[in-house]
Amino acid sequence: MNTILVTGSSGFIGRKLTEKLRVNGFKVIEFDLPDGDVTKEGILNSMEKIDHVFHLAGKTFVPESWKNPFGFYRVNFLGTVNVLEYCRKSGASLTYVASYLYGEPDYLPVDEKHPVKSYNPYSHGKVMADNTCQFYASQFGVNITIFRPFNAYGPGQSPVFLIPEIIAKVLSPSEPVVKVMDLRPRRDYLYIDDLVDALLCSLGHIGGIYNLGSGYSVGVEEIIKMVMDFTGIRKPMEAKGTVRPNEIFDLYADISKAETELGWKPKISFSQGLQQCIDALKS
């Protein structure tokens, strides 16, 4: 396996993945917005022979999906169908990445057998795409590995996401108070380097569905206190009292399947990853 196509190659995950693939000697073909519309039928047909596709292209900011549901369905669902068609016709294997699939958990930790649930337009499109990947695997024989990462974070992430937003507010002299929507939600955070390492495990692998996370959750209030401890900056914190639609207050992954079948487990603790994010924003 030599030639790899990465859709969404300019995104947060895509940048790190393409870099790691090249370091490991793979030829990487990048595809992102300047290269065309991933939803356009046949857009990928002119590619040279591709052995494997990492499909990362998509819209990612969940709150925006409530304002522009059509755009999210078009890119995240129909774009995935288009990539699946390319793989079906070309014989390329596929790694698909889908997050926010589980909704309010029936039990914790959440394993791969947990029902998937749609609780916003973003997750609904991803659930449909995930299901379509499974259909193409079972009915058309496309070799597909599906990863379901929980909350990815790391240096270079968009400032609209929670962790870079908190760090920026703590560091900023113009922010006397660290204000967030809600202090209560807890999430399972996965450092970007650990996520990329997991993606590489799918090369040459014969399909499957895998949760990716740390295996434990961290709360918003806890993150703010940790950032203050690491920076030595003290500020009051305040919740705006705004609860997002269908908010989930605790969620973390059972990652034992990935550990057993792929030999993968995260190497970077949350405190280590958070410190690296702070150092990156400071510099």
Foldseek 3Di string as FASTA:
>chain_A
DAEEEEEVLVAPLNVVLVVVCVVVPHHYDYHYVVQHQLLDAPSCVPDDQHAEYEYDDADDDQVVCQVPLVRRLRRLASSLVRVLVVCLVRVHAYEYEAEPFQAAFPDPADEPPHHGDDFGSNNVSRNNSVVVVVVCCVPRVHQYAYEYEWAEDFAPHDCVDQLNVLLCLQPDPVRQEAEDADFQAKTFYAYSVLVSVLVVLCVVPRYDYFYDGQRAIDTNNRSNVLSCVLVVGDHHYYHPPHDDGSDHRYYDHDGVVCCVPRVGHGDADPSRRSNNNNVSVVD
